[in-house]
Amino acid sequence: MSNSRDLDLDGIVADVKAQYEDTARRSRAEAQAWYERKFEELRVTTGRNADNLREAKAKIAELIRIVQRLNGEVKRAKDQRCKLEAAVADAEKRGETAIKDAKHKLSEVQTTLEQSKADLAQQLHKYQELTKVKLGLDVEIITFRKLLEGEESRLCAEGGFPVNIPAWYSQGGLTDGPEPDF
């Protein structure tokens, strides 16, 4: 046996090279297919994410509009609250002033009422005194009238001269008129 066989190294190298190239080509094709699948998946995912992003942006824009509207409403409510608080404070101040004025006027009215009561009591006292004086004078007038009538009757009865008593004097009171002539 001869150990010296000629090995076809070029054929083996070519055969191994062909196997490696075939394996490389299949690997490249598999890698290319895998990359294309991944690229397609990423493209679909990117499309979904872009749609989701647009929807999120639209929702964010809507929420921003709602927040701005609500901020405006809050600002208007705060302004209105401030105005109402100022109006309440002004009303309280006016109310306190009105109460002070009313108390002052009430005090004045009470003082005036007390003074009027005192004046009325004084007037009543004077009226009662004058009524007593008038009653006393009326009694004296009646007494003098009776005396005069009695004196007239006596003089007439004695046959003396008639006494002429004016009508104003016999009517029960003094009026402005001529003095009686005796």
N, C-alpha and C. Protein backbone atom coordinates (compact mmCIF):
# COMPACT_ATOMS: atom_id res chain seq x y z
N MET A 1 0.83 -1.15 0.00
CA MET A 1 0.00 0.00 0.00
C MET A 1 0.87 1.20 0.00
N SER A 2 0.28 1.98 -0.67
CA SER A 2 1.09 3.16 -0.81
C SER A 2 0.39 4.28 -0.11
N ASN A 3 1.10 4.91 0.65
CA ASN A 3 0.56 6.04 1.41
C ASN A 3 0.70 7.32 0.60
N SER A 4 1.03 7.22 -0.38
CA SER A 4 1.30 8.44 -1.09
C SER A 4 0.22 8.75 -2.10
N ARG A 5 -0.84 8.58 -1.76
CA ARG A 5 -1.91 8.91 -2.69
C ARG A 5 -2.00 10.38 -2.85
N ASP A 6 -2.39 10.66 -3.93
CA ASP A 6 -2.50 12.11 -4.17
C ASP A 6 -3.85 12.58 -3.67
N LEU A 7 -3.76 13.43 -2.89
CA LEU A 7 -5.00 14.03 -2.39
C LEU A 7 -5.34 15.20 -3.29
N ASP A 8 -6.55 15.21 -3.57
CA ASP A 8 -7.00 16.33 -4.41
C ASP A 8 -7.39 17.44 -3.46
N LEU A 9 -6.41 18.14 -3.08
CA LEU A 9 -6.63 19.22 -2.12
C LEU A 9 -7.41 20.36 -2.75
N ASP A 10 -7.16 20.62 -3.92
CA ASP A 10 -7.89 21.72 -4.57
C ASP A 10 -9.38 21.37 -4.62
N GLY A 11 -9.69 20.12 -4.88
CA GLY A 11 -11.10 19.71 -4.96
C GLY A 11 -11.75 19.77 -3.59
N ILE A 12 -10.97 19.35 -2.57
CA ILE A 12 -11.52 19.37 -1.22
C ILE A 12 -11.72 20.82 -0.80
N VAL A 13 -10.73 21.62 -1.10
CA VAL A 13 -10.84 23.04 -0.72
C VAL A 13 -12.02 23.63 -1.47
N ALA A 14 -12.16 23.27 -2.78
CA ALA A 14 -13.26 23.81 -3.56
C ALA A 14 -14.57 23.30 -3.00
N ASP A 15 -14.59 22.00 -2.60
CA ASP A 15 -15.81 21.42 -2.06
C ASP A 15 -16.15 22.07 -0.73
N VAL A 16 -15.17 22.24 0.16
CA VAL A 16 -15.40 22.88 1.46
C VAL A 16 -15.80 24.33 1.22
N LYS A 17 -15.11 24.94 0.23
CA LYS A 17 -15.43 26.34 -0.08
C LYS A 17 -16.86 26.42 -0.56
N ALA A 18 -17.31 25.49 -1.40
CA ALA A 18 -18.67 25.50 -1.92
C ALA A 18 -19.66 25.30 -0.78
N GLN A 19 -19.31 24.39 0.17
CA GLN A 19 -20.19 24.16 1.32
C GLN A 19 -20.29 25.42 2.16
N TYR A 20 -19.13 26.05 2.42
CA TYR A 20 -19.16 27.30 3.20
C TYR A 20 -19.94 28.39 2.48
N GLU A 21 -19.75 28.48 1.18
CA GLU A 21 -20.47 29.50 0.43
C GLU A 21 -21.95 29.22 0.45
N ASP A 22 -22.31 27.90 0.33
CA ASP A 22 -23.72 27.53 0.37
C ASP A 22 -24.28 27.85 1.75
N THR A 23 -23.53 27.49 2.80
CA THR A 23 -23.96 27.78 4.16
C THR A 23 -24.03 29.30 4.36
N ALA A 24 -23.06 30.03 3.85
CA ALA A 24 -23.05 31.48 3.99
C ALA A 24 -24.23 32.08 3.25
N ARG A 25 -24.49 31.53 2.01
CA ARG A 25 -25.59 32.05 1.22
C ARG A 25 -26.90 31.77 1.94
N ARG A 26 -27.10 30.56 2.49
CA ARG A 26 -28.32 30.23 3.22
C ARG A 26 -28.42 31.08 4.49
N SER A 27 -27.31 31.25 5.17
CA SER A 27 -27.31 32.07 6.37
C SER A 27 -27.66 33.52 6.03
N ARG A 28 -27.06 33.96 4.90
CA ARG A 28 -27.34 35.33 4.47
C ARG A 28 -28.81 35.46 4.13
N ALA A 29 -29.39 34.46 3.42
CA ALA A 29 -30.79 34.49 3.02
C ALA A 29 -31.68 34.46 4.27
N GLU A 30 -31.33 33.58 5.24
CA GLU A 30 -32.10 33.51 6.48
C GLU A 30 -31.99 34.82 7.24
N ALA A 31 -30.77 35.36 7.30
CA ALA A 31 -30.58 36.62 8.01
C ALA A 31 -31.36 37.74 7.32
N GLN A 32 -31.30 37.72 5.97
CA GLN A 32 -32.02 38.74 5.21
C GLN A 32 -33.52 38.60 5.48
N ALA A 33 -34.06 37.39 5.44
CA ALA A 33 -35.48 37.15 5.70
C ALA A 33 -35.83 37.57 7.12
N TRP A 34 -34.93 37.19 8.08
CA TRP A 34 -35.18 37.57 9.47
C TRP A 34 -35.17 39.09 9.63
N TYR A 35 -34.20 39.77 9.01
CA TYR A 35 -34.14 41.24 9.06
C TYR A 35 -35.36 41.86 8.39
N GLU A 36 -35.80 41.27 7.27
CA GLU A 36 -36.98 41.81 6.59
C GLU A 36 -38.22 41.63 7.46
N ARG A 37 -38.37 40.46 8.12
CA ARG A 37 -39.49 40.24 9.04
C ARG A 37 -39.43 41.23 10.20
N LYS A 38 -38.24 41.36 10.77
CA LYS A 38 -38.07 42.29 11.89
C LYS A 38 -38.34 43.73 11.43
N PHE A 39 -37.84 44.05 10.20
CA PHE A 39 -38.06 45.39 9.68
C PHE A 39 -39.55 45.63 9.47
N GLU A 40 -40.27 44.63 8.93
CA GLU A 40 -41.71 44.75 8.71
C GLU A 40 -42.43 44.88 10.04
N GLU A 41 -42.03 44.05 11.03
CA GLU A 41 -42.62 44.15 12.37
C GLU A 41 -42.38 45.53 12.96
N LEU A 42 -41.14 46.02 12.80
CA LEU A 42 -40.82 47.35 13.32
C LEU A 42 -41.60 48.43 12.57
N ARG A 43 -41.76 48.25 11.25
CA ARG A 43 -42.53 49.22 10.46
C ARG A 43 -43.98 49.23 10.93
N VAL A 44 -44.58 48.05 11.15
CA VAL A 44 -45.96 47.96 11.64
C VAL A 44 -46.05 48.56 13.03
N THR A 45 -45.10 48.20 13.89
CA THR A 45 -45.08 48.74 15.25
C THR A 45 -44.91 50.26 15.22
N THR A 46 -44.03 50.71 14.33
CA THR A 46 -43.82 52.15 14.19
C THR A 46 -45.11 52.83 13.73
N GLY A 47 -45.81 52.22 12.79
CA GLY A 47 -47.09 52.78 12.33
C GLY A 47 -48.10 52.84 13.46
N ARG A 48 -48.19 51.72 14.22
CA ARG A 48 -49.11 51.72 15.37
C ARG A 48 -48.71 52.77 16.38
N ASN A 49 -47.42 52.84 16.66
CA ASN A 49 -46.94 53.83 17.62
C ASN A 49 -47.17 55.25 17.12
N ALA A 50 -47.01 55.45 15.80
CA ALA A 50 -47.26 56.79 15.24
C ALA A 50 -48.74 57.13 15.40
N ASP A 51 -49.64 56.13 15.12
CA ASP A 51 -51.07 56.38 15.31
C ASP A 51 -51.37 56.67 16.78
N ASN A 52 -50.79 55.84 17.66
CA ASN A 52 -50.98 56.06 19.10
C ASN A 52 -50.45 57.43 19.52
N LEU A 53 -49.30 57.81 18.94
CA LEU A 53 -48.72 59.11 19.26
C LEU A 53 -49.63 60.23 18.80
N ARG A 54 -50.19 60.11 17.57
CA ARG A 54 -51.12 61.14 17.08
C ARG A 54 -52.35 61.23 17.98
N GLU A 55 -52.89 60.04 18.36
CA GLU A 55 -54.05 60.04 19.26
C GLU A 55 -53.68 60.66 20.61
N ALA A 56 -52.51 60.31 21.12
CA ALA A 56 -52.07 60.88 22.41
C ALA A 56 -51.89 62.38 22.30
N LYS A 57 -51.30 62.82 21.16
CA LYS A 57 -51.14 64.27 20.96
C LYS A 57 -52.49 64.95 20.88
N ALA A 58 -53.45 64.33 20.19
CA ALA A 58 -54.79 64.91 20.08
C ALA A 58 -55.44 64.97 21.47
N LYS A 59 -55.29 63.88 22.24
CA LYS A 59 -55.85 63.88 23.60
C LYS A 59 -55.18 64.94 24.46
N ILE A 60 -53.86 65.05 24.33
CA ILE A 60 -53.12 66.05 25.09
C ILE A 60 -53.57 67.46 24.71
N ALA A 61 -53.75 67.67 23.39
CA ALA A 61 -54.21 68.99 22.93
C ALA A 61 -55.60 69.28 23.48
N GLU A 62 -56.48 68.27 23.47
CA GLU A 62 -57.83 68.45 24.01
C GLU A 62 -57.77 68.72 25.51
N LEU A 63 -56.93 67.97 26.22
CA LEU A 63 -56.78 68.19 27.66
C LEU A 63 -56.20 69.57 27.94
N ILE A 64 -55.27 70.01 27.10
CA ILE A 64 -54.70 71.36 27.28
C ILE A 64 -55.80 72.40 27.10
N ARG A 65 -56.66 72.21 26.08
CA ARG A 65 -57.78 73.16 25.88
C ARG A 65 -58.73 73.14 27.08
N ILE A 66 -59.01 71.91 27.59
CA ILE A 66 -59.90 71.80 28.75
C ILE A 66 -59.27 72.48 29.96
N VAL A 67 -57.97 72.23 30.18
CA VAL A 67 -57.27 72.85 31.32
C VAL A 67 -57.28 74.37 31.18
N GLN A 68 -57.04 74.88 29.97
CA GLN A 68 -57.05 76.34 29.76
C GLN A 68 -58.44 76.90 30.02
N ARG A 69 -59.48 76.18 29.53
CA ARG A 69 -60.86 76.64 29.76
C ARG A 69 -61.16 76.63 31.25
N LEU A 70 -60.78 75.54 31.92
CA LEU A 70 -61.03 75.45 33.36
C LEU A 70 -60.23 76.50 34.13
N ASN A 71 -58.99 76.77 33.69
CA ASN A 71 -58.20 77.83 34.34
C ASN A 71 -58.89 79.17 34.18
N GLY A 72 -59.45 79.40 32.97
CA GLY A 72 -60.20 80.65 32.76
C GLY A 72 -61.42 80.72 33.67
N GLU A 73 -62.13 79.60 33.79
CA GLU A 73 -63.30 79.58 34.66
C GLU A 73 -62.90 79.79 36.12
N VAL A 74 -61.80 79.16 36.51
CA VAL A 74 -61.31 79.34 37.89
C VAL A 74 -60.94 80.80 38.13
N LYS A 75 -60.27 81.41 37.15
CA LYS A 75 -59.89 82.82 37.29
C LYS A 75 -61.13 83.71 37.40
N ARG A 76 -62.13 83.43 36.52
CA ARG A 76 -63.37 84.22 36.60
C ARG A 76 -64.06 83.99 37.94
N ALA A 77 -64.07 82.75 38.42
CA ALA A 77 -64.70 82.45 39.71
C ALA A 77 -63.97 83.17 40.84
N LYS A 78 -62.62 83.18 40.77
CA LYS A 78 -61.85 83.89 41.80
C LYS A 78 -62.14 85.38 41.75
N ASP A 79 -62.19 85.94 40.52
CA ASP A 79 -62.50 87.37 40.39
C ASP A 79 -63.89 87.66 40.94
N GLN A 80 -64.84 86.79 40.60
CA GLN A 80 -66.20 86.99 41.10
C GLN A 80 -66.23 86.87 42.62
N ARG A 81 -65.49 85.89 43.16
CA ARG A 81 -65.43 85.73 44.61
C ARG A 81 -64.87 86.99 45.27
N CYS A 82 -63.80 87.53 44.66
CA CYS A 82 -63.19 88.75 45.21
C CYS A 82 -64.20 89.90 45.18
N LYS A 83 -64.92 90.02 44.05
CA LYS A 83 -65.93 91.07 43.95
C LYS A 83 -67.02 90.87 44.99
N LEU A 84 -67.47 89.62 45.16
CA LEU A 84 -68.51 89.34 46.14
C LEU A 84 -68.02 89.59 47.56
N GLU A 85 -66.78 89.23 47.83
CA GLU A 85 -66.22 89.49 49.17
C GLU A 85 -66.15 90.99 49.41
N ALA A 86 -65.75 91.74 48.38
CA ALA A 86 -65.70 93.21 48.52
C ALA A 86 -67.10 93.76 48.74
N ALA A 87 -68.09 93.22 47.99
CA ALA A 87 -69.47 93.68 48.15
C ALA A 87 -69.99 93.34 49.54
N VAL A 88 -69.67 92.14 50.03
CA VAL A 88 -70.10 91.75 51.38
C VAL A 88 -69.46 92.65 52.42
N ALA A 89 -68.16 92.91 52.25
CA ALA A 89 -67.47 93.79 53.21
C ALA A 89 -68.07 95.19 53.18
N ASP A 90 -68.37 95.67 51.96
CA ASP A 90 -68.98 97.00 51.84
C ASP A 90 -70.37 97.01 52.47
N ALA A 91 -71.13 95.93 52.21
CA ALA A 91 -72.48 95.84 52.79
C ALA A 91 -72.41 95.77 54.32
N GLU A 92 -71.44 95.00 54.83
CA GLU A 92 -71.27 94.92 56.28
C GLU A 92 -70.91 96.29 56.84
N LYS A 93 -70.03 97.00 56.14
CA LYS A 93 -69.62 98.33 56.61
C LYS A 93 -70.82 99.28 56.59
N ARG A 94 -71.57 99.24 55.47
CA ARG A 94 -72.76 100.10 55.39
C ARG A 94 -73.78 99.71 56.45
N GLY A 95 -73.90 98.38 56.69
CA GLY A 95 -74.84 97.90 57.71
C GLY A 95 -74.43 98.38 59.09
N GLU A 96 -73.14 98.29 59.38
CA GLU A 96 -72.66 98.76 60.68
C GLU A 96 -72.89 100.26 60.82
N THR A 97 -72.62 100.99 59.74
CA THR A 97 -72.85 102.44 59.77
C THR A 97 -74.33 102.73 59.96
N ALA A 98 -75.17 101.98 59.24
CA ALA A 98 -76.63 102.17 59.36
C ALA A 98 -77.09 101.86 60.78
N ILE A 99 -76.52 100.79 61.37
CA ILE A 99 -76.89 100.44 62.73
C ILE A 99 -76.46 101.53 63.71
N LYS A 100 -75.23 102.04 63.52
CA LYS A 100 -74.76 103.13 64.38
C LYS A 100 -75.66 104.35 64.24
N ASP A 101 -75.99 104.69 62.97
CA ASP A 101 -76.87 105.83 62.74
C ASP A 101 -78.24 105.60 63.37
N ALA A 102 -78.76 104.38 63.20
CA ALA A 102 -80.07 104.06 63.76
C ALA A 102 -80.03 104.14 65.29
N LYS A 103 -78.96 103.62 65.88
CA LYS A 103 -78.84 103.69 67.34
C LYS A 103 -78.75 105.14 67.80
N HIS A 104 -77.98 105.94 67.04
CA HIS A 104 -77.85 107.36 67.39
C HIS A 104 -79.22 108.05 67.27
N LYS A 105 -79.92 107.78 66.17
CA LYS A 105 -81.25 108.38 65.99
C LYS A 105 -82.22 107.89 67.05
N LEU A 106 -82.14 106.58 67.38
CA LEU A 106 -83.00 106.04 68.44
C LEU A 106 -82.71 106.75 69.75
N SER A 107 -81.42 106.95 70.03
CA SER A 107 -81.04 107.66 71.25
C SER A 107 -81.60 109.07 71.25
N GLU A 108 -81.48 109.74 70.08
CA GLU A 108 -82.03 111.11 69.97
C GLU A 108 -83.54 111.10 70.16
N VAL A 109 -84.21 110.12 69.52
CA VAL A 109 -85.67 110.03 69.63
C VAL A 109 -86.06 109.74 71.08
N GLN A 110 -85.32 108.85 71.75
CA GLN A 110 -85.63 108.55 73.15
C GLN A 110 -85.41 109.78 74.02
N THR A 111 -84.33 110.50 73.74
CA THR A 111 -84.09 111.74 74.49
C THR A 111 -85.21 112.73 74.24
N THR A 112 -85.57 112.88 72.97
CA THR A 112 -86.67 113.80 72.62
C THR A 112 -87.97 113.34 73.26
N LEU A 113 -88.22 112.02 73.26
CA LEU A 113 -89.43 111.48 73.87
C LEU A 113 -89.44 111.76 75.36
N GLU A 114 -88.32 111.53 76.02
CA GLU A 114 -88.24 111.81 77.46
C GLU A 114 -88.47 113.30 77.73
N GLN A 115 -87.84 114.15 76.89
CA GLN A 115 -88.04 115.59 77.05
C GLN A 115 -89.50 115.97 76.82
N SER A 116 -90.09 115.33 75.76
CA SER A 116 -91.50 115.61 75.47
C SER A 116 -92.39 115.15 76.61
N LYS A 117 -92.07 113.98 77.19
CA LYS A 117 -92.85 113.50 78.34
C LYS A 117 -92.73 114.47 79.50
N ALA A 118 -91.49 114.94 79.73
CA ALA A 118 -91.29 115.90 80.83
C ALA A 118 -92.05 117.19 80.55
N ASP A 119 -91.96 117.68 79.28
CA ASP A 119 -92.69 118.89 78.92
C ASP A 119 -94.20 118.68 79.05
N LEU A 120 -94.67 117.51 78.62
CA LEU A 120 -96.09 117.20 78.70
C LEU A 120 -96.54 117.14 80.16
N ALA A 121 -95.72 116.53 81.00
CA ALA A 121 -96.05 116.47 82.43
C ALA A 121 -96.10 117.87 83.02
N GLN A 122 -95.13 118.70 82.61
CA GLN A 122 -95.12 120.08 83.10
C GLN A 122 -96.35 120.84 82.59
N GLN A 123 -96.67 120.66 81.31
CA GLN A 123 -97.85 121.32 80.73
C GLN A 123 -99.13 120.83 81.43
N LEU A 124 -99.20 119.51 81.70
CA LEU A 124 -100.36 118.95 82.38
C LEU A 124 -100.49 119.54 83.78
N HIS A 125 -99.36 119.66 84.45
CA HIS A 125 -99.37 120.25 85.78
C HIS A 125 -99.87 121.70 85.72
N LYS A 126 -99.35 122.46 84.75
CA LYS A 126 -99.80 123.85 84.58
C LYS A 126 -101.27 123.90 84.23
N TYR A 127 -101.70 122.97 83.35
CA TYR A 127 -103.11 122.93 82.95
C TYR A 127 -103.99 122.63 84.16
N GLN A 128 -103.53 121.66 84.99
CA GLN A 128 -104.31 121.34 86.19
C GLN A 128 -104.38 122.54 87.13
N GLU A 129 -103.28 123.25 87.27
CA GLU A 129 -103.28 124.45 88.11
C GLU A 129 -104.22 125.50 87.54
N LEU A 130 -104.13 125.70 86.20
CA LEU A 130 -105.02 126.69 85.57
C LEU A 130 -106.48 126.26 85.68
N THR A 131 -106.73 124.94 85.57
CA THR A 131 -108.10 124.46 85.70
C THR A 131 -108.61 124.72 87.12
N LYS A 132 -107.75 124.50 88.10
CA LYS A 132 -108.14 124.79 89.49
C LYS A 132 -108.44 126.27 89.65
N VAL A 133 -107.55 127.12 89.09
CA VAL A 133 -107.75 128.57 89.18
C VAL A 133 -109.06 128.95 88.50
N LYS A 134 -109.30 128.35 87.28
CA LYS A 134 -110.53 128.66 86.52
C LYS A 134 -111.75 128.23 87.32
N LEU A 135 -111.68 127.02 87.90
CA LEU A 135 -112.81 126.56 88.70
C LEU A 135 -113.04 127.49 89.89
N GLY A 136 -111.93 127.91 90.50
CA GLY A 136 -112.06 128.85 91.62
C GLY A 136 -112.69 130.16 91.16
N LEU A 137 -112.22 130.65 89.97
CA LEU A 137 -112.78 131.90 89.44
C LEU A 137 -114.25 131.72 89.06
N ASP A 138 -114.59 130.56 88.47
CA ASP A 138 -115.98 130.28 88.11
C ASP A 138 -116.87 130.28 89.36
N VAL A 139 -116.34 129.68 90.43
CA VAL A 139 -117.10 129.65 91.69
C VAL A 139 -117.27 131.07 92.21
N GLU A 140 -116.21 131.88 92.15
CA GLU A 140 -116.31 133.26 92.60
C GLU A 140 -117.29 134.04 91.74
N ILE A 141 -117.20 133.80 90.40
CA ILE A 141 -118.13 134.52 89.50
C ILE A 141 -119.56 134.15 89.84
N ILE A 142 -119.82 132.87 90.04
CA ILE A 142 -121.18 132.43 90.37
C ILE A 142 -121.60 133.04 91.71
N THR A 143 -120.65 133.06 92.64
CA THR A 143 -120.95 133.63 93.95
C THR A 143 -121.27 135.11 93.81
N PHE A 144 -120.43 135.85 93.04
CA PHE A 144 -120.68 137.27 92.85
C PHE A 144 -121.99 137.49 92.10
N ARG A 145 -122.30 136.66 91.15
CA ARG A 145 -123.54 136.79 90.39
C ARG A 145 -124.73 136.64 91.33
N LYS A 146 -124.65 135.58 92.19
CA LYS A 146 -125.73 135.34 93.14
C LYS A 146 -125.87 136.53 94.08
N LEU A 147 -124.71 137.07 94.52
CA LEU A 147 -124.75 138.23 95.40
C LEU A 147 -125.38 139.42 94.69
N LEU A 148 -124.97 139.62 93.41
CA LEU A 148 -125.52 140.75 92.65
C LEU A 148 -127.01 140.57 92.42
N GLU A 149 -127.43 139.36 92.07
CA GLU A 149 -128.86 139.11 91.85
C GLU A 149 -129.63 139.32 93.15
N GLY A 150 -129.01 138.85 94.23
CA GLY A 150 -129.68 139.04 95.54
C GLY A 150 -129.74 140.52 95.90
N GLU A 151 -128.66 141.27 95.59
CA GLU A 151 -128.64 142.71 95.88
C GLU A 151 -129.64 143.43 95.00
N GLU A 152 -129.75 143.03 93.76
CA GLU A 152 -130.71 143.63 92.83
C GLU A 152 -132.13 143.37 93.30
N SER A 153 -132.35 142.13 93.73
CA SER A 153 -133.69 141.78 94.22
C SER A 153 -134.02 142.60 95.48
N ARG A 154 -133.08 142.79 96.35
CA ARG A 154 -133.30 143.55 97.58
C ARG A 154 -133.57 145.01 97.27
N LEU A 155 -132.78 145.57 96.35
CA LEU A 155 -132.97 146.97 96.01
C LEU A 155 -134.31 147.18 95.33
N CYS A 156 -134.69 146.28 94.49
CA CYS A 156 -135.99 146.39 93.81
C CYS A 156 -137.10 146.22 94.82
N ALA A 157 -136.93 145.37 95.77
CA ALA A 157 -137.95 145.08 96.75
C ALA A 157 -138.11 146.28 97.69
N GLU A 158 -137.12 147.06 97.95
CA GLU A 158 -137.17 148.20 98.85
C GLU A 158 -137.77 149.40 98.14
N GLY A 159 -137.98 149.26 96.86
CA GLY A 159 -138.56 150.35 96.12
C GLY A 159 -137.56 151.35 95.67
N GLY A 160 -136.39 150.88 95.58
CA GLY A 160 -135.34 151.77 95.18
C GLY A 160 -135.19 151.82 93.67
N PHE A 161 -134.15 152.30 93.23
CA PHE A 161 -133.91 152.42 91.79
C PHE A 161 -133.52 151.06 91.21
N PRO A 162 -133.91 150.83 89.98
CA PRO A 162 -133.56 149.53 89.37
C PRO A 162 -132.09 149.50 88.97
N VAL A 163 -131.51 148.37 89.14
CA VAL A 163 -130.10 148.19 88.79
C VAL A 163 -130.04 147.50 87.44
N ASN A 164 -129.26 148.06 86.56
CA ASN A 164 -129.15 147.52 85.20
C ASN A 164 -127.84 146.72 85.11
N ILE A 165 -127.95 145.40 85.09
CA ILE A 165 -126.78 144.54 84.97
C ILE A 165 -126.67 144.14 83.51
N PRO A 166 -125.54 144.41 82.90
CA PRO A 166 -125.40 144.09 81.47
C PRO A 166 -125.51 142.58 81.22
N ALA A 167 -125.86 142.23 79.99
CA ALA A 167 -126.09 140.82 79.61
C ALA A 167 -124.79 140.03 79.62
N TRP A 168 -123.73 140.71 79.29
CA TRP A 168 -122.46 139.98 79.23
C TRP A 168 -122.04 139.52 80.60
N TYR A 169 -122.43 140.21 81.63
CA TYR A 169 -122.03 139.87 82.96
C TYR A 169 -122.91 138.78 83.54
N SER A 170 -124.15 138.72 83.15
CA SER A 170 -125.06 137.74 83.70
C SER A 170 -125.01 136.41 82.94
N GLN A 171 -124.24 136.35 81.87
CA GLN A 171 -124.16 135.11 81.09
C GLN A 171 -123.10 134.15 81.63
N GLY A 172 -122.46 134.46 82.67
CA GLY A 172 -121.61 133.49 83.33
C GLY A 172 -120.13 133.62 83.05
N GLY A 173 -119.68 134.65 82.46
CA GLY A 173 -118.26 134.75 82.24
C GLY A 173 -117.87 136.14 81.88
N LEU A 174 -116.61 136.43 81.93
CA LEU A 174 -116.09 137.72 81.56
C LEU A 174 -115.71 137.68 80.11
N THR A 175 -116.12 138.71 79.39
CA THR A 175 -115.73 138.84 78.00
C THR A 175 -115.24 140.24 77.80
N ASP A 176 -114.74 140.49 76.62
CA ASP A 176 -114.32 141.85 76.35
C ASP A 176 -115.57 142.68 76.09
N GLY A 177 -115.78 143.59 76.89
CA GLY A 177 -116.95 144.43 76.75
C GLY A 177 -116.84 145.62 77.70
N PRO A 178 -117.87 146.44 77.73
CA PRO A 178 -117.81 147.61 78.63
C PRO A 178 -117.87 147.20 80.10
N GLU A 179 -117.25 148.00 80.89
CA GLU A 179 -117.25 147.77 82.34
C GLU A 179 -118.66 147.96 82.85
N PRO A 180 -119.05 147.17 83.85
CA PRO A 180 -120.41 147.36 84.39
C PRO A 180 -120.48 148.74 85.09
N ASP A 181 -121.63 149.34 84.96
CA ASP A 181 -121.79 150.64 85.61
C ASP A 181 -122.61 150.46 86.87
N PHE A 182 -122.04 150.74 87.99
CA PHE A 182 -122.69 150.62 89.29
C PHE A 182 -123.01 151.96 89.80
